[in-house]
């Protein structure tokens, strides 16, 4: 048993080499709706992988705004939506660059607590 990103496992699942037991997203993946969520199976587990565009601190706001706009437009391109969807990736975008900054701060705090509570040490 292992936890991997959905897109990493879906090819192996299609080949019959692995069986996907559940997803740790809040909802079932629309492209693979037969795979239940962990919550549906009684485990309160919700985690996802995410990506974002990062720029150096102090980048002028007009540049940040332009990159945000281009990134959002790219995620709406039909070929991008199809390719990611075929890989089991659900596209979720932030409402603004500031919203993404808040999301990253919350995720950092959430996993910081997990690390602290589990007393995880670096080597």
PDB file of N, CA and C in Angstrom:
ATOM      1  N   UNK A   1       0.853  -1.171   0.000  1.00  0.00           N
ATOM      2  CA  UNK A   1       0.000   0.000   0.000  1.00  0.00           C
ATOM      3  C   UNK A   1       0.889   1.221   0.000  1.00  0.00           C
ATOM      4  N   UNK A   2       0.465   2.250  -0.734  1.00  0.00           N
ATOM      5  CA  UNK A   2       1.221   3.491  -0.746  1.00  0.00           C
ATOM      6  C   UNK A   2       0.309   4.647  -1.100  1.00  0.00           C
ATOM      7  N   UNK A   3       0.757   5.839  -0.742  1.00  0.00           N
ATOM      8  CA  UNK A   3       0.079   7.064  -1.115  1.00  0.00           C
ATOM      9  C   UNK A   3       0.935   7.760  -2.160  1.00  0.00           C
ATOM     10  N   UNK A   4       0.342   8.047  -3.308  1.00  0.00           N
ATOM     11  CA  UNK A   4       1.024   8.777  -4.373  1.00  0.00           C
ATOM     12  C   UNK A   4       0.018   9.746  -4.986  1.00  0.00           C
ATOM     13  N   UNK A   5       0.525  10.642  -5.800  1.00  0.00           N
ATOM     14  CA  UNK A   5      -0.402  11.527  -6.492  1.00  0.00           C
ATOM     15  C   UNK A   5      -1.262  10.685  -7.432  1.00  0.00           C
ATOM     16  N   UNK A   6      -2.476  11.127  -7.596  1.00  0.00           N
ATOM     17  CA  UNK A   6      -3.421  10.410  -8.439  1.00  0.00           C
ATOM     18  C   UNK A   6      -2.851  10.213  -9.838  1.00  0.00           C
ATOM     19  N   UNK A   7      -2.289  11.284 -10.386  1.00  0.00           N
ATOM     20  CA  UNK A   7      -1.776  11.212 -11.762  1.00  0.00           C
ATOM     21  C   UNK A   7      -0.617  10.232 -11.885  1.00  0.00           C
ATOM     22  N   UNK A   8       0.122   9.995 -10.805  1.00  0.00           N
ATOM     23  CA  UNK A   8       1.221   9.024 -10.842  1.00  0.00           C
ATOM     24  C   UNK A   8       0.714   7.591 -10.900  1.00  0.00           C
ATOM     25  N   UNK A   9      -0.443   7.354 -10.330  1.00  0.00           N
ATOM     26  CA  UNK A   9      -0.952   5.985 -10.226  1.00  0.00           C
ATOM     27  C   UNK A   9      -1.920   5.611 -11.331  1.00  0.00           C
ATOM     28  N   UNK A  10      -2.571   6.580 -11.942  1.00  0.00           N
ATOM     29  CA  UNK A  10      -3.666   6.262 -12.859  1.00  0.00           C
ATOM     30  C   UNK A  10      -3.216   5.403 -14.045  1.00  0.00           C
ATOM     31  N   UNK A  11      -2.042   5.644 -14.581  1.00  0.00           N
ATOM     32  CA  UNK A  11      -1.557   4.822 -15.688  1.00  0.00           C
ATOM     33  C   UNK A  11      -1.393   3.363 -15.293  1.00  0.00           C
ATOM     34  N   UNK A  12      -0.849   3.134 -14.113  1.00  0.00           N
ATOM     35  CA  UNK A  12      -0.674   1.770 -13.613  1.00  0.00           C
ATOM     36  C   UNK A  12      -2.034   1.114 -13.353  1.00  0.00           C
ATOM     37  N   UNK A  13      -2.986   1.916 -12.870  1.00  0.00           N
ATOM     38  CA  UNK A  13      -4.325   1.380 -12.620  1.00  0.00           C
ATOM     39  C   UNK A  13      -4.996   0.983 -13.926  1.00  0.00           C
ATOM     40  N   UNK A  14      -4.846   1.808 -14.956  1.00  0.00           N
ATOM     41  CA  UNK A  14      -5.426   1.483 -16.267  1.00  0.00           C
ATOM     42  C   UNK A  14      -4.842   0.193 -16.831  1.00  0.00           C
ATOM     43  N   UNK A  15      -3.569  -0.078 -16.522  1.00  0.00           N
ATOM     44  CA  UNK A  15      -2.899  -1.299 -16.987  1.00  0.00           C
ATOM     45  C   UNK A  15      -3.227  -2.509 -16.110  1.00  0.00           C
ATOM     46  N   UNK A  16      -3.941  -2.275 -15.008  1.00  0.00           N
ATOM     47  CA  UNK A  16      -4.268  -3.363 -14.095  1.00  0.00           C
ATOM     48  C   UNK A  16      -3.122  -3.746 -13.182  1.00  0.00           C
ATOM     49  N   UNK A  17      -2.103  -2.898 -13.105  1.00  0.00           N
ATOM     50  CA  UNK A  17      -0.928  -3.224 -12.287  1.00  0.00           C
ATOM     51  C   UNK A  17      -1.102  -2.816 -10.824  1.00  0.00           C
ATOM     52  N   UNK A  18      -1.994  -1.880 -10.564  1.00  0.00           N
ATOM     53  CA  UNK A  18      -2.315  -1.497  -9.188  1.00  0.00           C
ATOM     54  C   UNK A  18      -3.821  -1.301  -9.086  1.00  0.00           C
ATOM     55  N   UNK A  19      -4.322  -1.392  -7.873  1.00  0.00           N
ATOM     56  CA  UNK A  19      -5.741  -1.135  -7.621  1.00  0.00           C
ATOM     57  C   UNK A  19      -5.828   0.108  -6.743  1.00  0.00           C
ATOM     58  N   UNK A  20      -6.548   1.078  -7.231  1.00  0.00           N
ATOM     59  CA  UNK A  20      -6.724   2.307  -6.458  1.00  0.00           C
ATOM     60  C   UNK A  20      -7.852   2.080  -5.454  1.00  0.00           C
ATOM     61  N   UNK A  21      -7.537   2.240  -4.176  1.00  0.00           N
ATOM     62  CA  UNK A  21      -8.503   1.960  -3.114  1.00  0.00           C
ATOM     63  C   UNK A  21      -9.294   3.186  -2.688  1.00  0.00           C
ATOM     64  N   UNK A  22      -8.716   4.349  -2.872  1.00  0.00           N
ATOM     65  CA  UNK A  22      -9.409   5.559  -2.458  1.00  0.00           C
ATOM     66  C   UNK A  22      -8.610   6.786  -2.826  1.00  0.00           C
ATOM     67  N   UNK A  23      -9.300   7.906  -2.808  1.00  0.00           N
ATOM     68  CA  UNK A  23      -8.645   9.193  -3.054  1.00  0.00           C
ATOM     69  C   UNK A  23      -8.725  10.027  -1.784  1.00  0.00           C
ATOM     70  N   UNK A  24      -7.721  10.865  -1.585  1.00  0.00           N
ATOM     71  CA  UNK A  24      -7.687  11.689  -0.367  1.00  0.00           C
ATOM     72  C   UNK A  24      -8.135  13.116  -0.641  1.00  0.00           C
ATOM     73  N   UNK A  25      -8.830  13.294  -1.765  1.00  0.00           N
ATOM     74  CA  UNK A  25      -9.409  14.600  -2.070  1.00  0.00           C
ATOM     75  C   UNK A  25     -10.780  14.695  -1.393  1.00  0.00           C
ATOM     76  N   UNK A  26     -11.318  15.916  -1.277  1.00  0.00           N
ATOM     77  CA  UNK A  26     -12.620  16.060  -0.614  1.00  0.00           C
ATOM     78  C   UNK A  26     -13.760  15.372  -1.365  1.00  0.00           C
ATOM     79  N   UNK A  27     -13.621  15.277  -2.702  1.00  0.00           N
ATOM     80  CA  UNK A  27     -14.678  14.683  -3.519  1.00  0.00           C
ATOM     81  C   UNK A  27     -14.064  13.657  -4.466  1.00  0.00           C
ATOM     82  N   UNK A  28     -14.890  12.792  -4.995  1.00  0.00           N
ATOM     83  CA  UNK A  28     -14.419  11.815  -5.976  1.00  0.00           C
ATOM     84  C   UNK A  28     -13.908  12.541  -7.216  1.00  0.00           C
ATOM     85  N   UNK A  29     -12.954  11.919  -7.875  1.00  0.00           N
ATOM     86  CA  UNK A  29     -12.424  12.476  -9.112  1.00  0.00           C
ATOM     87  C   UNK A  29     -13.459  12.264 -10.212  1.00  0.00           C
ATOM     88  N   UNK A  30     -13.888  13.331 -10.904  1.00  0.00           N
ATOM     89  CA  UNK A  30     -14.933  13.178 -11.915  1.00  0.00           C
ATOM     90  C   UNK A  30     -14.578  12.178 -13.027  1.00  0.00           C
ATOM     91  N   UNK A  31     -13.322  12.080 -13.394  1.00  0.00           N
ATOM     92  CA  UNK A  31     -12.917  11.161 -14.464  1.00  0.00           C
ATOM     93  C   UNK A  31     -12.866   9.709 -13.990  1.00  0.00           C
ATOM     94  N   UNK A  32     -12.796   9.494 -12.683  1.00  0.00           N
ATOM     95  CA  UNK A  32     -12.689   8.147 -12.117  1.00  0.00           C
ATOM     96  C   UNK A  32     -13.628   8.047 -10.919  1.00  0.00           C
ATOM     97  N   UNK A  33     -14.898   8.308 -11.164  1.00  0.00           N
ATOM     98  CA  UNK A  33     -15.871   8.425 -10.074  1.00  0.00           C
ATOM     99  C   UNK A  33     -16.129   7.122  -9.333  1.00  0.00           C
ATOM    100  N   UNK A  34     -15.661   6.006  -9.875  1.00  0.00           N
ATOM    101  CA  UNK A  34     -15.848   4.726  -9.179  1.00  0.00           C
ATOM    102  C   UNK A  34     -14.924   4.577  -7.968  1.00  0.00           C
ATOM    103  N   UNK A  35     -13.915   5.425  -7.862  1.00  0.00           N
ATOM    104  CA  UNK A  35     -12.969   5.329  -6.744  1.00  0.00           C
ATOM    105  C   UNK A  35     -13.473   6.213  -5.605  1.00  0.00           C
ATOM    106  N   UNK A  36     -13.814   5.631  -4.456  1.00  0.00           N
ATOM    107  CA  UNK A  36     -14.368   6.410  -3.347  1.00  0.00           C
ATOM    108  C   UNK A  36     -13.318   7.270  -2.644  1.00  0.00           C
ATOM    109  N   UNK A  37     -13.800   8.273  -1.948  1.00  0.00           N
ATOM    110  CA  UNK A  37     -12.902   9.091  -1.132  1.00  0.00           C
ATOM    111  C   UNK A  37     -12.607   8.334   0.168  1.00  0.00           C
ATOM    112  N   UNK A  38     -11.527   8.739   0.815  1.00  0.00           N
ATOM    113  CA  UNK A  38     -11.202   8.131   2.110  1.00  0.00           C
ATOM    114  C   UNK A  38     -12.275   8.488   3.135  1.00  0.00           C
ATOM    115  N   UNK A  39     -12.832   9.708   3.045  1.00  0.00           N
ATOM    116  CA  UNK A  39     -13.909  10.093   3.962  1.00  0.00           C
ATOM    117  C   UNK A  39     -15.101   9.159   3.828  1.00  0.00           C
ATOM    118  N   UNK A  40     -15.436   8.801   2.595  1.00  0.00           N
ATOM    119  CA  UNK A  40     -16.558   7.880   2.378  1.00  0.00           C
ATOM    120  C   UNK A  40     -16.287   6.530   3.016  1.00  0.00           C
ATOM    121  N   UNK A  41     -15.029   6.206   3.202  1.00  0.00           N
ATOM    122  CA  UNK A  41     -14.645   4.931   3.787  1.00  0.00           C
ATOM    123  C   UNK A  41     -14.376   5.039   5.288  1.00  0.00           C
ATOM    124  N   UNK A  42     -14.726   6.187   5.877  1.00  0.00           N
ATOM    125  CA  UNK A  42     -14.621   6.345   7.320  1.00  0.00           C
ATOM    126  C   UNK A  42     -13.325   6.934   7.837  1.00  0.00           C
ATOM    127  N   UNK A  43     -12.449   7.379   6.949  1.00  0.00           N
ATOM    128  CA  UNK A  43     -11.177   7.969   7.371  1.00  0.00           C
ATOM    129  C   UNK A  43     -11.166   9.459   7.013  1.00  0.00           C
ATOM    130  N   UNK A  44     -10.978  10.300   8.004  1.00  0.00           N
ATOM    131  CA  UNK A  44     -11.004  11.744   7.773  1.00  0.00           C
ATOM    132  C   UNK A  44      -9.655  12.199   7.232  1.00  0.00           C
ATOM    133  N   UNK A  45      -9.425  11.882   5.974  1.00  0.00           N
ATOM    134  CA  UNK A  45      -8.150  12.221   5.328  1.00  0.00           C
ATOM    135  C   UNK A  45      -8.451  13.058   4.088  1.00  0.00           C
ATOM    136  N   UNK A  46      -7.972  14.296   4.091  1.00  0.00           N
ATOM    137  CA  UNK A  46      -8.101  15.143   2.908  1.00  0.00           C
ATOM    138  C   UNK A  46      -6.772  15.839   2.683  1.00  0.00           C
ATOM    139  N   UNK A  47      -6.136  15.490   1.597  1.00  0.00           N
ATOM    140  CA  UNK A  47      -4.862  16.091   1.211  1.00  0.00           C
ATOM    141  C   UNK A  47      -4.843  16.119  -0.307  1.00  0.00           C
ATOM    142  N   UNK A  48      -4.150  17.056  -0.842  1.00  0.00           N
ATOM    143  CA  UNK A  48      -4.003  17.094  -2.291  1.00  0.00           C
ATOM    144  C   UNK A  48      -2.642  17.645  -2.649  1.00  0.00           C
ATOM    145  N   UNK A  49      -2.233  17.359  -3.851  1.00  0.00           N
ATOM    146  CA  UNK A  49      -1.010  18.005  -4.311  1.00  0.00           C
ATOM    147  C   UNK A  49      -1.430  19.274  -5.037  1.00  0.00           C
ATOM    148  N   UNK A  50      -0.580  20.242  -4.999  1.00  0.00           N
ATOM    149  CA  UNK A  50      -0.903  21.501  -5.673  1.00  0.00           C
ATOM    150  C   UNK A  50       0.368  22.123  -6.223  1.00  0.00           C
ATOM    151  N   UNK A  51       0.186  22.925  -7.207  1.00  0.00           N
ATOM    152  CA  UNK A  51       1.286  23.631  -7.833  1.00  0.00           C
ATOM    153  C   UNK A  51       0.903  25.103  -7.919  1.00  0.00           C
ATOM    154  N   UNK A  52       1.894  25.936  -8.116  1.00  0.00           N
ATOM    155  CA  UNK A  52       1.625  27.359  -8.264  1.00  0.00           C
ATOM    156  C   UNK A  52       2.806  28.064  -8.891  1.00  0.00           C
ATOM    157  N   UNK A  53       2.583  29.268  -9.299  1.00  0.00           N
ATOM    158  CA  UNK A  53       3.652  30.106  -9.819  1.00  0.00           C
ATOM    159  C   UNK A  53       4.171  30.965  -8.678  1.00  0.00           C
ATOM    160  N   UNK A  54       5.471  30.926  -8.464  1.00  0.00           N
ATOM    161  CA  UNK A  54       6.092  31.710  -7.408  1.00  0.00           C
ATOM    162  C   UNK A  54       7.069  32.696  -8.033  1.00  0.00           C
ATOM    163  N   UNK A  55       7.129  33.883  -7.458  1.00  0.00           N
ATOM    164  CA  UNK A  55       8.055  34.921  -7.921  1.00  0.00           C
ATOM    165  C   UNK A  55       8.820  35.451  -6.716  1.00  0.00           C
ATOM    166  N   UNK A  56       9.961  36.086  -6.950  1.00  0.00           N
ATOM    167  CA  UNK A  56      10.718  36.632  -5.812  1.00  0.00           C
ATOM    168  C   UNK A  56       9.927  37.714  -5.063  1.00  0.00           C
ATOM    169  N   UNK A  57      10.162  37.794  -3.773  1.00  0.00           N
ATOM    170  CA  UNK A  57       9.554  38.845  -2.958  1.00  0.00           C
ATOM    171  C   UNK A  57       9.928  40.194  -3.580  1.00  0.00           C
ATOM    172  N   UNK A  58       8.981  41.087  -3.614  1.00  0.00           N
ATOM    173  CA  UNK A  58       9.238  42.408  -4.163  1.00  0.00           C
ATOM    174  C   UNK A  58       8.952  42.534  -5.653  1.00  0.00           C
ATOM    175  N   UNK A  59       8.516  41.442  -6.277  1.00  0.00           N
ATOM    176  CA  UNK A  59       8.140  41.527  -7.692  1.00  0.00           C
ATOM    177  C   UNK A  59       6.998  42.540  -7.807  1.00  0.00           C
ATOM    178  N   UNK A  60       7.096  43.476  -8.751  1.00  0.00           N
ATOM    179  CA  UNK A  60       6.045  44.498  -8.887  1.00  0.00           C
ATOM    180  C   UNK A  60       4.654  43.867  -9.085  1.00  0.00           C
ATOM    181  N   UNK A  61       3.668  44.432  -8.423  1.00  0.00           N
ATOM    182  CA  UNK A  61       2.306  43.878  -8.477  1.00  0.00           C
ATOM    183  C   UNK A  61       1.759  43.750  -9.895  1.00  0.00           C
ATOM    184  N   UNK A  62       2.029  44.707 -10.803  1.00  0.00           N
ATOM    185  CA  UNK A  62       1.536  44.509 -12.177  1.00  0.00           C
ATOM    186  C   UNK A  62       2.100  43.242 -12.840  1.00  0.00           C
ATOM    187  N   UNK A  63       3.338  42.892 -12.523  1.00  0.00           N
ATOM    188  CA  UNK A  63       3.931  41.666 -13.060  1.00  0.00           C
ATOM    189  C   UNK A  63       3.232  40.452 -12.441  1.00  0.00           C
ATOM    190  N   UNK A  64       3.009  40.481 -11.143  1.00  0.00           N
ATOM    191  CA  UNK A  64       2.299  39.391 -10.451  1.00  0.00           C
ATOM    192  C   UNK A  64       0.905  39.225 -11.065  1.00  0.00           C
ATOM    193  N   UNK A  65       0.209  40.339 -11.257  1.00  0.00           N
ATOM    194  CA  UNK A  65      -1.142  40.294 -11.817  1.00  0.00           C
ATOM    195  C   UNK A  65      -1.150  39.683 -13.217  1.00  0.00           C
ATOM    196  N   UNK A  66      -0.178  40.050 -14.038  1.00  0.00           N
ATOM    197  CA  UNK A  66      -0.095  39.530 -15.405  1.00  0.00           C
ATOM    198  C   UNK A  66       0.181  38.021 -15.382  1.00  0.00           C
ATOM    199  N   UNK A  67       1.117  37.583 -14.552  1.00  0.00           N
ATOM    200  CA  UNK A  67       1.414  36.155 -14.456  1.00  0.00           C
ATOM    201  C   UNK A  67       0.196  35.367 -13.972  1.00  0.00           C
ATOM    202  N   UNK A  68      -0.515  35.937 -13.002  1.00  0.00           N
ATOM    203  CA  UNK A  68      -1.730  35.288 -12.498  1.00  0.00           C
ATOM    204  C   UNK A  68      -2.749  35.139 -13.629  1.00  0.00           C
ATOM    205  N   UNK A  69      -2.971  36.227 -14.359  1.00  0.00           N
ATOM    206  CA  UNK A  69      -3.945  36.214 -15.447  1.00  0.00           C
ATOM    207  C   UNK A  69      -3.574  35.178 -16.513  1.00  0.00           C
ATOM    208  N   UNK A  70      -2.315  35.145 -16.920  1.00  0.00           N
ATOM    209  CA  UNK A  70      -1.859  34.190 -17.929  1.00  0.00           C
ATOM    210  C   UNK A  70      -2.008  32.758 -17.407  1.00  0.00           C
ATOM    211  N   UNK A  71      -1.658  32.537 -16.144  1.00  0.00           N
ATOM    212  CA  UNK A  71      -1.798  31.200 -15.557  1.00  0.00           C
ATOM    213  C   UNK A  71      -3.241  30.725 -15.539  1.00  0.00           C
ATOM    214  N   UNK A  72      -4.156  31.612 -15.175  1.00  0.00           N
ATOM    215  CA  UNK A  72      -5.589  31.266 -15.145  1.00  0.00           C
ATOM    216  C   UNK A  72      -6.076  30.954 -16.559  1.00  0.00           C
ATOM    217  N   UNK A  73      -5.679  31.787 -17.520  1.00  0.00           N
ATOM    218  CA  UNK A  73      -6.082  31.559 -18.916  1.00  0.00           C
ATOM    219  C   UNK A  73      -5.558  30.214 -19.419  1.00  0.00           C
ATOM    220  N   UNK A  74      -4.329  29.875 -19.063  1.00  0.00           N
ATOM    221  CA  UNK A  74      -3.736  28.611 -19.482  1.00  0.00           C
ATOM    222  C   UNK A  74      -4.532  27.424 -18.938  1.00  0.00           C
ATOM    223  N   UNK A  75      -4.992  27.521 -17.704  1.00  0.00           N
ATOM    224  CA  UNK A  75      -5.735  26.421 -17.089  1.00  0.00           C
ATOM    225  C   UNK A  75      -7.133  26.250 -17.683  1.00  0.00           C
ATOM    226  N   UNK A  76      -7.557  27.198 -18.513  1.00  0.00           N
ATOM    227  CA  UNK A  76      -8.860  27.102 -19.182  1.00  0.00           C
ATOM    228  C   UNK A  76      -8.738  26.576 -20.615  1.00  0.00           C
ATOM    229  N   UNK A  77      -7.517  26.458 -21.119  1.00  0.00           N
ATOM    230  CA  UNK A  77      -7.308  25.985 -22.487  1.00  0.00           C
ATOM    231  C   UNK A  77      -7.834  24.552 -22.617  1.00  0.00           C
ATOM    232  N   UNK A  78      -8.671  24.293 -23.628  1.00  0.00           N
ATOM    233  CA  UNK A  78      -9.268  22.956 -23.762  1.00  0.00           C
ATOM    234  C   UNK A  78      -8.255  21.809 -23.768  1.00  0.00           C
ATOM    235  N   UNK A  79      -7.124  21.986 -24.451  1.00  0.00           N
ATOM    236  CA  UNK A  79      -6.147  20.889 -24.498  1.00  0.00           C
ATOM    237  C   UNK A  79      -5.487  20.673 -23.143  1.00  0.00           C
ATOM    238  N   UNK A  80      -5.323  21.727 -22.360  1.00  0.00           N
ATOM    239  CA  UNK A  80      -4.762  21.593 -21.016  1.00  0.00           C
ATOM    240  C   UNK A  80      -5.772  20.888 -20.114  1.00  0.00           C
ATOM    241  N   UNK A  81      -7.021  21.329 -20.167  1.00  0.00           N
ATOM    242  CA  UNK A  81      -8.081  20.720 -19.353  1.00  0.00           C
ATOM    243  C   UNK A  81      -8.194  19.236 -19.675  1.00  0.00           C
ATOM    244  N   UNK A  82      -8.193  18.893 -20.960  1.00  0.00           N
ATOM    245  CA  UNK A  82      -8.317  17.484 -21.359  1.00  0.00           C
ATOM    246  C   UNK A  82      -7.121  16.665 -20.893  1.00  0.00           C
ATOM    247  N   UNK A  83      -5.941  17.165 -21.164  1.00  0.00           N
ATOM    248  CA  UNK A  83      -4.735  16.381 -20.808  1.00  0.00           C
ATOM    249  C   UNK A  83      -4.658  16.160 -19.304  1.00  0.00           C
ATOM    250  N   UNK A  84      -4.882  17.212 -18.526  1.00  0.00           N
ATOM    251  CA  UNK A  84      -4.837  17.057 -17.078  1.00  0.00           C
ATOM    252  C   UNK A  84      -5.967  16.166 -16.587  1.00  0.00           C
ATOM    253  N   UNK A  85      -7.173  16.365 -17.142  1.00  0.00           N
ATOM    254  CA  UNK A  85      -8.313  15.541 -16.744  1.00  0.00           C
ATOM    255  C   UNK A  85      -8.094  14.071 -17.042  1.00  0.00           C
ATOM    256  N   UNK A  86      -7.499  13.768 -18.209  1.00  0.00           N
ATOM    257  CA  UNK A  86      -7.207  12.374 -18.556  1.00  0.00           C
ATOM    258  C   UNK A  86      -6.213  11.744 -17.589  1.00  0.00           C
ATOM    259  N   UNK A  87      -5.401  12.575 -16.953  1.00  0.00           N
ATOM    260  CA  UNK A  87      -4.430  12.091 -15.966  1.00  0.00           C
ATOM    261  C   UNK A  87      -5.016  12.035 -14.563  1.00  0.00           C
ATOM    262  N   UNK A  88      -6.305  12.381 -14.440  1.00  0.00           N
ATOM    263  CA  UNK A  88      -6.942  12.348 -13.132  1.00  0.00           C
ATOM    264  C   UNK A  88      -6.739  13.600 -12.320  1.00  0.00           C
ATOM    265  N   UNK A  89      -6.251  14.651 -12.949  1.00  0.00           N
ATOM    266  CA  UNK A  89      -5.998  15.900 -12.236  1.00  0.00           C
ATOM    267  C   UNK A  89      -7.219  16.800 -12.332  1.00  0.00           C
ATOM    268  N   UNK A  90      -7.684  17.275 -11.202  1.00  0.00           N
ATOM    269  CA  UNK A  90      -8.769  18.234 -11.140  1.00  0.00           C
ATOM    270  C   UNK A  90      -8.157  19.619 -11.025  1.00  0.00           C
ATOM    271  N   UNK A  91      -8.489  20.481 -11.953  1.00  0.00           N
ATOM    272  CA  UNK A  91      -7.943  21.841 -11.938  1.00  0.00           C
ATOM    273  C   UNK A  91      -8.726  22.692 -10.950  1.00  0.00           C
ATOM    274  N   UNK A  92      -8.004  23.273 -10.025  1.00  0.00           N
ATOM    275  CA  UNK A  92      -8.578  24.212  -9.064  1.00  0.00           C
ATOM    276  C   UNK A  92      -7.684  25.441  -9.086  1.00  0.00           C
ATOM    277  N   UNK A  93      -8.270  26.609  -9.248  1.00  0.00           N
ATOM    278  CA  UNK A  93      -7.476  27.832  -9.280  1.00  0.00           C
ATOM    279  C   UNK A  93      -7.884  28.755  -8.144  1.00  0.00           C
ATOM    280  N   UNK A  94      -6.979  29.619  -7.770  1.00  0.00           N
ATOM    281  CA  UNK A  94      -7.248  30.622  -6.741  1.00  0.00           C
ATOM    282  C   UNK A  94      -8.050  31.765  -7.350  1.00  0.00           C
ATOM    283  N   UNK A  95      -8.778  32.469  -6.501  1.00  0.00           N
ATOM    284  CA  UNK A  95      -9.565  33.612  -6.967  1.00  0.00           C
ATOM    285  C   UNK A  95      -8.689  34.818  -7.293  1.00  0.00           C
ATOM    286  N   UNK A  96      -7.496  34.852  -6.712  1.00  0.00           N
ATOM    287  CA  UNK A  96      -6.561  35.957  -6.943  1.00  0.00           C
ATOM    288  C   UNK A  96      -5.176  35.512  -6.486  1.00  0.00           C
ATOM    289  N   UNK A  97      -4.162  36.316  -6.810  1.00  0.00           N
ATOM    290  CA  UNK A  97      -2.817  35.975  -6.337  1.00  0.00           C
ATOM    291  C   UNK A  97      -2.762  36.063  -4.817  1.00  0.00           C
ATOM    292  N   UNK A  98      -3.478  37.014  -4.236  1.00  0.00           N
ATOM    293  CA  UNK A  98      -3.508  37.136  -2.772  1.00  0.00           C
ATOM    294  C   UNK A  98      -4.168  35.903  -2.143  1.00  0.00           C
ATOM    295  N   UNK A  99      -5.197  35.378  -2.781  1.00  0.00           N
ATOM    296  CA  UNK A  99      -5.868  34.176  -2.302  1.00  0.00           C
ATOM    297  C   UNK A  99      -4.895  32.994  -2.293  1.00  0.00           C
ATOM    298  N   UNK A 100      -4.042  32.901  -3.324  1.00  0.00           N
ATOM    299  CA  UNK A 100      -3.052  31.832  -3.375  1.00  0.00           C
ATOM    300  C   UNK A 100      -2.026  31.990  -2.253  1.00  0.00           C
ATOM    301  N   UNK A 101      -1.593  33.224  -1.996  1.00  0.00           N
ATOM    302  CA  UNK A 101      -0.650  33.481  -0.893  1.00  0.00           C
ATOM    303  C   UNK A 101      -1.269  32.997   0.422  1.00  0.00           C
ATOM    304  N   UNK A 102      -2.540  33.307   0.651  1.00  0.00           N
ATOM    305  CA  UNK A 102      -3.223  32.855   1.874  1.00  0.00           C
ATOM    306  C   UNK A 102      -3.287  31.329   1.941  1.00  0.00           C
ATOM    307  N   UNK A 103      -3.575  30.699   0.808  1.00  0.00           N
ATOM    308  CA  UNK A 103      -3.632  29.241   0.758  1.00  0.00           C
ATOM    309  C   UNK A 103      -2.291  28.627   1.147  1.00  0.00           C
ATOM    310  N   UNK A 104      -1.201  29.150   0.584  1.00  0.00           N
ATOM    311  CA  UNK A 104       0.139  28.624   0.884  1.00  0.00           C
ATOM    312  C   UNK A 104       0.450  28.800   2.369  1.00  0.00           C
ATOM    313  N   UNK A 105       0.100  29.934   2.945  1.00  0.00           N
ATOM    314  CA  UNK A 105       0.331  30.162   4.378  1.00  0.00           C
ATOM    315  C   UNK A 105      -0.429  29.144   5.221  1.00  0.00           C
ATOM    316  N   UNK A 106      -1.678  28.886   4.865  1.00  0.00           N
ATOM    317  CA  UNK A 106      -2.494  27.922   5.616  1.00  0.00           C
ATOM    318  C   UNK A 106      -1.941  26.502   5.482  1.00  0.00           C
ATOM    319  N   UNK A 107      -1.524  26.127   4.276  1.00  0.00           N
ATOM    320  CA  UNK A 107      -0.952  24.795   4.072  1.00  0.00           C
ATOM    321  C   UNK A 107       0.366  24.639   4.844  1.00  0.00           C
ATOM    322  N   UNK A 108       1.166  25.698   4.848  1.00  0.00           N
ATOM    323  CA  UNK A 108       2.427  25.664   5.590  1.00  0.00           C
ATOM    324  C   UNK A 108       2.160  25.477   7.080  1.00  0.00           C
ATOM    325  N   UNK A 109       1.189  26.195   7.607  1.00  0.00           N
ATOM    326  CA  UNK A 109       0.841  26.064   9.027  1.00  0.00           C
ATOM    327  C   UNK A 109       0.269  24.676   9.318  1.00  0.00           C
ATOM    328  N   UNK A 110      -0.582  24.187   8.435  1.00  0.00           N
ATOM    329  CA  UNK A 110      -1.216  22.875   8.643  1.00  0.00           C
ATOM    330  C   UNK A 110      -0.168  21.767   8.690  1.00  0.00           C
ATOM    331  N   UNK A 111       0.740  21.758   7.728  1.00  0.00           N
ATOM    332  CA  UNK A 111       1.738  20.691   7.711  1.00  0.00           C
ATOM    333  C   UNK A 111       2.847  20.943   8.718  1.00  0.00           C
ATOM    334  N   UNK A 112       3.080  22.185   9.091  1.00  0.00           N
ATOM    335  CA  UNK A 112       4.002  22.474  10.185  1.00  0.00           C
ATOM    336  C   UNK A 112       3.519  21.841  11.481  1.00  0.00           C
ATOM    337  N   UNK A 113       2.206  21.918  11.719  1.00  0.00           N
ATOM    338  CA  UNK A 113       1.605  21.302  12.912  1.00  0.00           C
ATOM    339  C   UNK A 113       1.747  19.780  12.862  1.00  0.00           C
ATOM    340  N   UNK A 114       1.513  19.189  11.691  1.00  0.00           N
ATOM    341  CA  UNK A 114       1.665  17.734  11.544  1.00  0.00           C
ATOM    342  C   UNK A 114       3.096  17.325  11.883  1.00  0.00           C
ATOM    343  N   UNK A 115       4.061  18.059  11.357  1.00  0.00           N
ATOM    344  CA  UNK A 115       5.473  17.769  11.612  1.00  0.00           C
ATOM    345  C   UNK A 115       5.793  17.897  13.095  1.00  0.00           C
ATOM    346  N   UNK A 116       5.300  18.965  13.707  1.00  0.00           N
ATOM    347  CA  UNK A 116       5.559  19.185  15.138  1.00  0.00           C
ATOM    348  C   UNK A 116       4.880  18.112  15.990  1.00  0.00           C
ATOM    349  N   UNK A 117       3.600  17.853  15.731  1.00  0.00           N
ATOM    350  CA  UNK A 117       2.845  16.863  16.515  1.00  0.00           C
ATOM    351  C   UNK A 117       3.446  15.465  16.387  1.00  0.00           C
ATOM    352  N   UNK A 118       3.981  15.133  15.228  1.00  0.00           N
ATOM    353  CA  UNK A 118       4.577  13.814  15.008  1.00  0.00           C
ATOM    354  C   UNK A 118       6.043  13.781  15.390  1.00  0.00           C
ATOM    355  N   UNK A 119       6.574  14.920  15.847  1.00  0.00           N
ATOM    356  CA  UNK A 119       7.963  15.042  16.238  1.00  0.00           C
ATOM    357  C   UNK A 119       8.908  14.551  15.123  1.00  0.00           C
ATOM    358  N   UNK A 120       8.605  14.990  13.899  1.00  0.00           N
ATOM    359  CA  UNK A 120       9.428  14.614  12.747  1.00  0.00           C
ATOM    360  C   UNK A 120      10.691  15.465  12.756  1.00  0.00           C
ATOM    361  N   UNK A 121      11.830  14.811  12.645  1.00  0.00           N
ATOM    362  CA  UNK A 121      13.103  15.497  12.665  1.00  0.00           C
ATOM    363  C   UNK A 121      13.804  15.344  11.315  1.00  0.00           C
ATOM    364  N   UNK A 122      14.543  16.359  10.926  1.00  0.00           N
ATOM    365  CA  UNK A 122      15.348  16.221   9.710  1.00  0.00           C
ATOM    366  C   UNK A 122      16.644  15.518  10.060  1.00  0.00           C
ATOM    367  N   UNK A 123      17.237  14.903   9.086  1.00  0.00           N
ATOM    368  CA  UNK A 123      18.514  14.224   9.315  1.00  0.00           C
ATOM    369  C   UNK A 123      19.616  14.910   8.547  1.00  0.00           C
TER     370      UNK A 123
END
